[in-house]
Amino acid sequence: MGRYDYKTAHLQKVSVCGIRCEFSDIRIDRSTVPEGKDQYEVAGDDDRGGDPVRVRLGIMVSFFGTLISDQPLPIGNNSVLCLDGDFIWL
């Protein structure tokens, strides 16, 4: 499973819980992300057509993509942010 450079990845604008983020459907190497940015991974739900359903620092199963934000996302105490319509393509 390869990881790619943030600087060369194709990134789309999305909003997650009202926070603007950059999104890519590939895994991005954390060491290439600029200091001051937060990186998360998104899991899709196979039962709902692959829609994004949860965000964590790392996703092993049902990987949907990578999020990069300028501010932290509201990850809960269980290290998961469940998405319920909170992922919006901009």
N, C-alpha and C. Protein backbone atom coordinates (compact mmCIF):
# COMPACT_ATOMS: atom_id res chain seq x y z
N MET A 1 0.85 -1.16 0.00
CA MET A 1 0.00 0.00 0.00
C MET A 1 0.90 1.23 0.00
N GLY A 2 0.96 1.92 -1.13
CA GLY A 2 1.82 3.07 -1.25
C GLY A 2 1.19 4.35 -0.72
N ARG A 3 2.03 5.27 -0.35
CA ARG A 3 1.58 6.59 0.10
C ARG A 3 2.21 7.62 -0.82
N TYR A 4 1.53 8.73 -1.02
CA TYR A 4 1.94 9.72 -2.00
C TYR A 4 2.28 11.05 -1.34
N ASP A 5 2.98 11.88 -2.06
CA ASP A 5 3.45 13.18 -1.59
C ASP A 5 2.29 14.19 -1.63
N TYR A 6 2.09 14.88 -0.52
CA TYR A 6 1.06 15.91 -0.42
C TYR A 6 1.20 16.95 -1.53
N LYS A 7 2.43 17.34 -1.84
CA LYS A 7 2.67 18.40 -2.81
C LYS A 7 2.27 18.02 -4.23
N THR A 8 2.19 16.74 -4.54
CA THR A 8 1.84 16.33 -5.90
C THR A 8 0.45 15.68 -5.98
N ALA A 9 -0.23 15.53 -4.85
CA ALA A 9 -1.55 14.89 -4.83
C ALA A 9 -2.61 15.84 -5.38
N HIS A 10 -3.59 15.28 -6.08
CA HIS A 10 -4.74 16.06 -6.54
C HIS A 10 -5.69 16.19 -5.35
N LEU A 11 -5.95 17.42 -4.91
CA LEU A 11 -6.75 17.67 -3.72
C LEU A 11 -8.03 18.42 -4.08
N GLN A 12 -9.13 17.99 -3.49
CA GLN A 12 -10.42 18.64 -3.68
C GLN A 12 -10.82 19.32 -2.38
N LYS A 13 -11.65 20.35 -2.49
CA LYS A 13 -12.13 21.06 -1.30
C LYS A 13 -13.40 20.38 -0.79
N VAL A 14 -13.43 20.14 0.52
CA VAL A 14 -14.61 19.58 1.17
C VAL A 14 -14.81 20.32 2.50
N SER A 15 -15.99 20.12 3.08
CA SER A 15 -16.27 20.63 4.41
C SER A 15 -16.64 19.43 5.28
N VAL A 16 -16.00 19.32 6.43
CA VAL A 16 -16.29 18.25 7.38
C VAL A 16 -16.65 18.93 8.70
N CYS A 17 -17.89 18.74 9.12
CA CYS A 17 -18.38 19.38 10.36
C CYS A 17 -18.17 20.89 10.32
N GLY A 18 -18.33 21.48 9.15
CA GLY A 18 -18.18 22.93 8.98
C GLY A 18 -16.75 23.41 8.86
N ILE A 19 -15.78 22.51 8.86
CA ILE A 19 -14.37 22.87 8.74
C ILE A 19 -13.91 22.56 7.32
N ARG A 20 -13.37 23.58 6.64
CA ARG A 20 -12.87 23.39 5.27
C ARG A 20 -11.62 22.52 5.30
N CYS A 21 -11.59 21.53 4.43
CA CYS A 21 -10.47 20.59 4.35
C CYS A 21 -10.10 20.36 2.90
N GLU A 22 -8.92 19.79 2.72
CA GLU A 22 -8.50 19.28 1.42
C GLU A 22 -8.70 17.77 1.48
N PHE A 23 -9.15 17.19 0.37
CA PHE A 23 -9.44 15.76 0.32
C PHE A 23 -8.77 15.14 -0.89
N SER A 24 -8.25 13.93 -0.70
CA SER A 24 -7.72 13.13 -1.81
C SER A 24 -8.15 11.69 -1.58
N ASP A 25 -8.40 10.98 -2.67
CA ASP A 25 -8.82 9.58 -2.54
C ASP A 25 -7.62 8.63 -2.46
N ILE A 26 -6.44 9.18 -2.26
CA ILE A 26 -5.24 8.36 -2.09
C ILE A 26 -4.69 8.55 -0.68
N ARG A 27 -3.82 7.63 -0.27
CA ARG A 27 -3.14 7.76 1.03
C ARG A 27 -1.95 8.70 0.86
N ILE A 28 -1.86 9.67 1.73
CA ILE A 28 -0.79 10.67 1.66
C ILE A 28 0.21 10.41 2.79
N ASP A 29 1.47 10.48 2.45
CA ASP A 29 2.55 10.28 3.41
C ASP A 29 2.57 11.46 4.38
N ARG A 30 2.40 11.18 5.67
CA ARG A 30 2.36 12.24 6.69
C ARG A 30 3.60 13.11 6.69
N SER A 31 4.74 12.54 6.36
CA SER A 31 5.98 13.32 6.39
C SER A 31 6.02 14.40 5.31
N THR A 32 5.11 14.36 4.33
CA THR A 32 5.08 15.35 3.26
C THR A 32 4.06 16.46 3.51
N VAL A 33 3.27 16.33 4.57
CA VAL A 33 2.24 17.32 4.89
C VAL A 33 2.90 18.48 5.65
N PRO A 34 2.65 19.73 5.22
CA PRO A 34 3.28 20.88 5.88
C PRO A 34 2.96 20.95 7.37
N GLU A 35 3.93 21.45 8.12
CA GLU A 35 3.75 21.64 9.57
C GLU A 35 2.57 22.58 9.80
N GLY A 36 1.79 22.28 10.81
CA GLY A 36 0.64 23.11 11.13
C GLY A 36 -0.66 22.61 10.54
N LYS A 37 -0.58 21.61 9.67
CA LYS A 37 -1.79 21.01 9.09
C LYS A 37 -2.05 19.67 9.77
N ASP A 38 -3.33 19.34 9.92
CA ASP A 38 -3.73 18.07 10.52
C ASP A 38 -4.12 17.10 9.41
N GLN A 39 -3.78 15.84 9.59
CA GLN A 39 -4.10 14.80 8.60
C GLN A 39 -4.95 13.71 9.24
N TYR A 40 -5.98 13.30 8.50
CA TYR A 40 -6.88 12.24 8.93
C TYR A 40 -7.16 11.33 7.74
N GLU A 41 -7.71 10.16 8.02
CA GLU A 41 -8.16 9.27 6.95
C GLU A 41 -9.65 9.00 7.13
N VAL A 42 -10.31 8.79 6.01
CA VAL A 42 -11.75 8.61 5.97
C VAL A 42 -12.07 7.19 5.54
N ALA A 43 -13.06 6.58 6.19
CA ALA A 43 -13.53 5.26 5.81
C ALA A 43 -14.87 5.41 5.11
N GLY A 44 -15.08 4.56 4.11
CA GLY A 44 -16.36 4.52 3.42
C GLY A 44 -17.19 3.36 3.94
N ASP A 45 -18.47 3.40 3.65
CA ASP A 45 -19.40 2.36 4.07
C ASP A 45 -19.82 1.55 2.85
N ASP A 46 -19.40 0.31 2.78
CA ASP A 46 -19.73 -0.55 1.65
C ASP A 46 -21.23 -0.74 1.49
N ASP A 47 -21.98 -0.66 2.59
CA ASP A 47 -23.43 -0.87 2.53
C ASP A 47 -24.17 0.35 2.00
N ARG A 48 -23.53 1.51 1.98
CA ARG A 48 -24.19 2.74 1.51
C ARG A 48 -23.54 3.29 0.26
N GLY A 49 -23.04 2.44 -0.58
CA GLY A 49 -22.48 2.89 -1.84
C GLY A 49 -21.13 3.56 -1.72
N GLY A 50 -20.41 3.30 -0.64
CA GLY A 50 -19.08 3.86 -0.48
C GLY A 50 -19.05 5.27 0.04
N ASP A 51 -20.16 5.76 0.59
CA ASP A 51 -20.19 7.10 1.16
C ASP A 51 -19.24 7.19 2.35
N PRO A 52 -18.63 8.38 2.58
CA PRO A 52 -17.77 8.53 3.76
C PRO A 52 -18.59 8.45 5.04
N VAL A 53 -18.12 7.65 6.01
CA VAL A 53 -18.90 7.46 7.24
C VAL A 53 -18.14 7.75 8.52
N ARG A 54 -16.81 7.68 8.50
CA ARG A 54 -16.07 7.97 9.74
C ARG A 54 -14.67 8.46 9.41
N VAL A 55 -14.13 9.23 10.37
CA VAL A 55 -12.80 9.82 10.24
C VAL A 55 -11.97 9.38 11.45
N ARG A 56 -10.74 9.00 11.19
CA ARG A 56 -9.78 8.63 12.25
C ARG A 56 -8.40 9.12 11.82
N LEU A 57 -7.43 8.97 12.69
CA LEU A 57 -6.06 9.30 12.31
C LEU A 57 -5.54 8.31 11.28
N GLY A 58 -6.01 7.08 11.32
CA GLY A 58 -5.62 6.06 10.34
C GLY A 58 -6.76 5.09 10.11
N ILE A 59 -6.94 4.67 8.87
CA ILE A 59 -8.00 3.72 8.49
C ILE A 59 -7.33 2.54 7.79
N MET A 60 -7.64 1.35 8.26
CA MET A 60 -7.08 0.15 7.63
C MET A 60 -8.06 -0.50 6.66
N VAL A 61 -9.36 -0.52 7.02
CA VAL A 61 -10.37 -1.20 6.23
C VAL A 61 -11.35 -0.18 5.66
N SER A 62 -11.76 -0.37 4.42
CA SER A 62 -12.73 0.51 3.74
C SER A 62 -12.20 1.93 3.58
N PHE A 63 -10.90 2.06 3.26
CA PHE A 63 -10.29 3.38 3.06
C PHE A 63 -11.04 4.13 1.96
N PHE A 64 -11.42 5.38 2.24
CA PHE A 64 -12.12 6.24 1.30
C PHE A 64 -11.23 7.38 0.82
N GLY A 65 -10.38 7.90 1.72
CA GLY A 65 -9.50 8.99 1.32
C GLY A 65 -8.79 9.62 2.50
N THR A 66 -8.05 10.70 2.19
CA THR A 66 -7.26 11.44 3.17
C THR A 66 -7.78 12.86 3.28
N LEU A 67 -7.89 13.35 4.50
CA LEU A 67 -8.28 14.74 4.76
C LEU A 67 -7.08 15.50 5.33
N ILE A 68 -6.90 16.73 4.87
CA ILE A 68 -5.89 17.63 5.41
C ILE A 68 -6.63 18.90 5.81
N SER A 69 -6.43 19.35 7.06
CA SER A 69 -7.12 20.57 7.51
C SER A 69 -6.14 21.50 8.23
N ASP A 70 -6.54 22.77 8.29
CA ASP A 70 -5.73 23.77 8.98
C ASP A 70 -6.08 23.85 10.46
N GLN A 71 -7.13 23.15 10.87
CA GLN A 71 -7.51 23.10 12.29
C GLN A 71 -7.99 21.69 12.61
N PRO A 72 -7.90 21.31 13.86
CA PRO A 72 -8.29 19.95 14.24
C PRO A 72 -9.79 19.69 14.02
N LEU A 73 -10.10 18.48 13.60
CA LEU A 73 -11.49 18.05 13.50
C LEU A 73 -11.96 17.58 14.88
N PRO A 74 -13.26 17.62 15.15
CA PRO A 74 -13.78 17.23 16.47
C PRO A 74 -13.82 15.71 16.66
N ILE A 75 -12.65 15.12 16.76
CA ILE A 75 -12.54 13.68 16.98
C ILE A 75 -12.92 13.39 18.44
N GLY A 76 -13.77 12.40 18.67
CA GLY A 76 -14.23 12.09 20.01
C GLY A 76 -13.19 11.35 20.84
N ASN A 77 -13.55 11.07 22.07
CA ASN A 77 -12.66 10.35 22.98
C ASN A 77 -12.31 8.96 22.49
N ASN A 78 -13.16 8.39 21.63
CA ASN A 78 -12.89 7.07 21.09
C ASN A 78 -12.05 7.14 19.81
N SER A 79 -11.49 8.31 19.52
CA SER A 79 -10.61 8.55 18.36
C SER A 79 -11.31 8.41 17.03
N VAL A 80 -12.65 8.56 17.02
CA VAL A 80 -13.43 8.44 15.79
C VAL A 80 -14.39 9.62 15.69
N LEU A 81 -14.52 10.14 14.47
CA LEU A 81 -15.54 11.13 14.15
C LEU A 81 -16.51 10.47 13.20
N CYS A 82 -17.72 10.19 13.67
CA CYS A 82 -18.74 9.59 12.80
C CYS A 82 -19.39 10.68 11.98
N LEU A 83 -19.50 10.44 10.69
CA LEU A 83 -20.08 11.41 9.77
C LEU A 83 -21.53 11.05 9.49
N ASP A 84 -22.40 12.00 9.62
CA ASP A 84 -23.81 11.81 9.32
C ASP A 84 -24.25 13.01 8.48
N GLY A 85 -23.82 13.01 7.23
CA GLY A 85 -24.10 14.16 6.38
C GLY A 85 -23.15 15.32 6.60
N ASP A 86 -22.11 15.11 7.38
CA ASP A 86 -21.17 16.17 7.71
C ASP A 86 -19.98 16.25 6.77
N PHE A 87 -20.01 15.51 5.66
CA PHE A 87 -18.95 15.52 4.65
C PHE A 87 -19.58 16.11 3.39
N ILE A 88 -19.17 17.33 3.03
CA ILE A 88 -19.80 18.04 1.91
C ILE A 88 -18.73 18.42 0.90
N TRP A 89 -18.96 18.05 -0.35
CA TRP A 89 -18.06 18.44 -1.45
C TRP A 89 -18.29 19.91 -1.75
N LEU A 90 -17.23 20.70 -1.87
CA LEU A 90 -17.35 22.13 -2.17
C LEU A 90 -17.03 22.41 -3.63
